Amino acid sequence: MFKKFINYCKDCYDELAHKTTWPSRKELSHTAMVVLSASLVIAIVVFLMDVVFKNCMQFIYGLFT
């Protein structure tokens, strides 16, 4: 049982250290900027939808009061 765990740890280390390709600093910063930009766009869209929905609901509630 313990030997299986040790082999598993060795295999994990081997894959992480020798078989994994890591992005360059340029690729990493570019990807981070894409994610940041997409997050900002989605946040703005959700904010605008919230404002429109709020105003619609205020209008509808104003009709019935």
N, C-alpha and C. Protein backbone atom coordinates (compact mmCIF):
# COMPACT_ATOMS: atom_id res chain seq x y z
N MET A 1 0.82 -1.19 0.00
CA MET A 1 0.00 0.00 0.00
C MET A 1 0.87 1.25 0.00
N PHE A 2 1.87 1.28 0.88
CA PHE A 2 2.75 2.43 0.97
C PHE A 2 3.60 2.56 -0.30
N LYS A 3 3.98 1.41 -0.88
CA LYS A 3 4.80 1.42 -2.10
C LYS A 3 4.01 2.01 -3.27
N LYS A 4 2.70 1.71 -3.33
CA LYS A 4 1.86 2.28 -4.39
C LYS A 4 1.81 3.81 -4.27
N PHE A 5 1.70 4.29 -3.04
CA PHE A 5 1.66 5.73 -2.82
C PHE A 5 2.97 6.39 -3.24
N ILE A 6 4.10 5.77 -2.90
CA ILE A 6 5.41 6.31 -3.28
C ILE A 6 5.54 6.32 -4.80
N ASN A 7 5.13 5.25 -5.47
CA ASN A 7 5.19 5.21 -6.93
C ASN A 7 4.29 6.29 -7.55
N TYR A 8 3.13 6.47 -6.97
CA TYR A 8 2.22 7.50 -7.45
C TYR A 8 2.87 8.88 -7.33
N CYS A 9 3.49 9.17 -6.21
CA CYS A 9 4.16 10.45 -6.01
C CYS A 9 5.30 10.64 -7.00
N LYS A 10 6.08 9.59 -7.23
CA LYS A 10 7.18 9.66 -8.20
C LYS A 10 6.65 9.91 -9.60
N ASP A 11 5.58 9.23 -9.97
CA ASP A 11 4.99 9.42 -11.29
C ASP A 11 4.45 10.85 -11.46
N CYS A 12 3.83 11.36 -10.40
CA CYS A 12 3.33 12.73 -10.45
C CYS A 12 4.47 13.72 -10.63
N TYR A 13 5.53 13.54 -9.89
CA TYR A 13 6.68 14.43 -10.01
C TYR A 13 7.29 14.33 -11.40
N ASP A 14 7.44 13.11 -11.91
CA ASP A 14 8.03 12.91 -13.24
C ASP A 14 7.20 13.62 -14.31
N GLU A 15 5.89 13.48 -14.23
CA GLU A 15 5.04 14.13 -15.22
C GLU A 15 5.10 15.64 -15.10
N LEU A 16 5.09 16.14 -13.87
CA LEU A 16 5.13 17.58 -13.65
C LEU A 16 6.47 18.19 -14.08
N ALA A 17 7.56 17.50 -13.80
CA ALA A 17 8.88 18.05 -14.05
C ALA A 17 9.34 17.83 -15.49
N HIS A 18 8.94 16.73 -16.12
CA HIS A 18 9.54 16.40 -17.41
C HIS A 18 8.56 16.34 -18.58
N LYS A 19 7.29 16.10 -18.33
CA LYS A 19 6.34 15.93 -19.43
C LYS A 19 5.41 17.12 -19.63
N THR A 20 5.38 18.04 -18.68
CA THR A 20 4.50 19.18 -18.76
C THR A 20 5.21 20.32 -19.48
N THR A 21 4.50 20.97 -20.41
CA THR A 21 5.06 22.16 -21.05
C THR A 21 4.47 23.39 -20.38
N TRP A 22 5.33 24.24 -19.92
CA TRP A 22 4.90 25.44 -19.22
C TRP A 22 4.90 26.61 -20.18
N PRO A 23 3.94 27.53 -20.06
CA PRO A 23 3.90 28.69 -20.96
C PRO A 23 5.04 29.66 -20.65
N SER A 24 5.43 30.39 -21.69
CA SER A 24 6.46 31.41 -21.48
C SER A 24 5.82 32.60 -20.75
N ARG A 25 6.66 33.49 -20.29
CA ARG A 25 6.16 34.66 -19.57
C ARG A 25 5.27 35.51 -20.49
N LYS A 26 5.64 35.62 -21.76
CA LYS A 26 4.86 36.40 -22.71
C LYS A 26 3.49 35.76 -22.94
N GLU A 27 3.45 34.43 -23.12
CA GLU A 27 2.19 33.73 -23.30
C GLU A 27 1.30 33.87 -22.07
N LEU A 28 1.91 33.76 -20.91
CA LEU A 28 1.17 33.85 -19.65
C LEU A 28 0.56 35.23 -19.46
N SER A 29 1.34 36.29 -19.73
CA SER A 29 0.80 37.64 -19.55
C SER A 29 -0.26 37.94 -20.61
N HIS A 30 -0.10 37.42 -21.83
CA HIS A 30 -1.11 37.62 -22.87
C HIS A 30 -2.42 36.93 -22.46
N THR A 31 -2.33 35.71 -22.00
CA THR A 31 -3.52 34.97 -21.57
C THR A 31 -4.19 35.66 -20.39
N ALA A 32 -3.40 36.18 -19.47
CA ALA A 32 -3.95 36.88 -18.32
C ALA A 32 -4.70 38.14 -18.76
N MET A 33 -4.18 38.85 -19.75
CA MET A 33 -4.84 40.04 -20.26
C MET A 33 -6.15 39.68 -20.97
N VAL A 34 -6.16 38.56 -21.70
CA VAL A 34 -7.39 38.11 -22.36
C VAL A 34 -8.45 37.79 -21.32
N VAL A 35 -8.07 37.08 -20.28
CA VAL A 35 -9.02 36.72 -19.22
C VAL A 35 -9.52 37.98 -18.50
N LEU A 36 -8.62 38.89 -18.22
CA LEU A 36 -9.00 40.13 -17.54
C LEU A 36 -9.96 40.95 -18.40
N SER A 37 -9.67 41.05 -19.69
CA SER A 37 -10.54 41.79 -20.60
C SER A 37 -11.91 41.14 -20.71
N ALA A 38 -11.95 39.84 -20.87
CA ALA A 38 -13.22 39.13 -20.97
C ALA A 38 -14.02 39.30 -19.69
N SER A 39 -13.37 39.23 -18.54
CA SER A 39 -14.06 39.41 -17.26
C SER A 39 -14.65 40.81 -17.15
N LEU A 40 -13.90 41.79 -17.60
CA LEU A 40 -14.37 43.17 -17.56
C LEU A 40 -15.58 43.36 -18.47
N VAL A 41 -15.53 42.82 -19.68
CA VAL A 41 -16.65 42.93 -20.61
C VAL A 41 -17.89 42.25 -20.03
N ILE A 42 -17.72 41.07 -19.48
CA ILE A 42 -18.86 40.35 -18.89
C ILE A 42 -19.43 41.14 -17.71
N ALA A 43 -18.57 41.72 -16.89
CA ALA A 43 -19.04 42.51 -15.75
C ALA A 43 -19.84 43.73 -16.22
N ILE A 44 -19.38 44.37 -17.28
CA ILE A 44 -20.10 45.54 -17.80
C ILE A 44 -21.45 45.13 -18.37
N VAL A 45 -21.49 44.01 -19.10
CA VAL A 45 -22.76 43.53 -19.66
C VAL A 45 -23.74 43.19 -18.54
N VAL A 46 -23.28 42.51 -17.52
CA VAL A 46 -24.16 42.16 -16.40
C VAL A 46 -24.64 43.42 -15.69
N PHE A 47 -23.77 44.40 -15.51
CA PHE A 47 -24.16 45.66 -14.88
C PHE A 47 -25.24 46.36 -15.70
N LEU A 48 -25.07 46.43 -17.02
CA LEU A 48 -26.05 47.08 -17.87
C LEU A 48 -27.38 46.33 -17.85
N MET A 49 -27.34 45.01 -17.87
CA MET A 49 -28.57 44.23 -17.78
C MET A 49 -29.28 44.50 -16.45
N ASP A 50 -28.51 44.63 -15.37
CA ASP A 50 -29.07 44.91 -14.06
C ASP A 50 -29.75 46.27 -14.03
N VAL A 51 -29.11 47.27 -14.61
CA VAL A 51 -29.68 48.62 -14.64
C VAL A 51 -30.97 48.62 -15.45
N VAL A 52 -30.96 47.98 -16.62
CA VAL A 52 -32.16 47.93 -17.46
C VAL A 52 -33.29 47.20 -16.73
N PHE A 53 -32.98 46.06 -16.13
CA PHE A 53 -34.01 45.30 -15.41
C PHE A 53 -34.57 46.11 -14.24
N LYS A 54 -33.68 46.79 -13.53
CA LYS A 54 -34.13 47.62 -12.40
C LYS A 54 -35.08 48.71 -12.87
N ASN A 55 -34.71 49.38 -13.94
CA ASN A 55 -35.57 50.46 -14.46
C ASN A 55 -36.90 49.91 -14.97
N CYS A 56 -36.88 48.77 -15.64
CA CYS A 56 -38.13 48.14 -16.10
C CYS A 56 -39.02 47.79 -14.92
N MET A 57 -38.45 47.23 -13.90
CA MET A 57 -39.25 46.83 -12.73
C MET A 57 -39.79 48.06 -12.01
N GLN A 58 -39.01 49.13 -11.92
CA GLN A 58 -39.50 50.36 -11.29
C GLN A 58 -40.66 50.93 -12.10
N PHE A 59 -40.57 50.86 -13.42
CA PHE A 59 -41.65 51.33 -14.27
C PHE A 59 -42.91 50.49 -14.06
N ILE A 60 -42.74 49.18 -14.05
CA ILE A 60 -43.89 48.28 -13.86
C ILE A 60 -44.52 48.49 -12.48
N TYR A 61 -43.69 48.58 -11.44
CA TYR A 61 -44.23 48.80 -10.09
C TYR A 61 -44.89 50.17 -9.99
N GLY A 62 -44.38 51.15 -10.75
CA GLY A 62 -44.97 52.50 -10.74
C GLY A 62 -46.35 52.50 -11.35
N LEU A 63 -46.65 51.61 -12.27
CA LEU A 63 -47.97 51.53 -12.87
C LEU A 63 -49.02 51.05 -11.89
N PHE A 64 -48.64 50.23 -10.94
CA PHE A 64 -49.58 49.60 -10.02
C PHE A 64 -49.66 50.28 -8.66
N THR A 65 -48.92 51.36 -8.46
CA THR A 65 -49.01 52.05 -7.16
C THR A 65 -49.68 53.38 -7.27
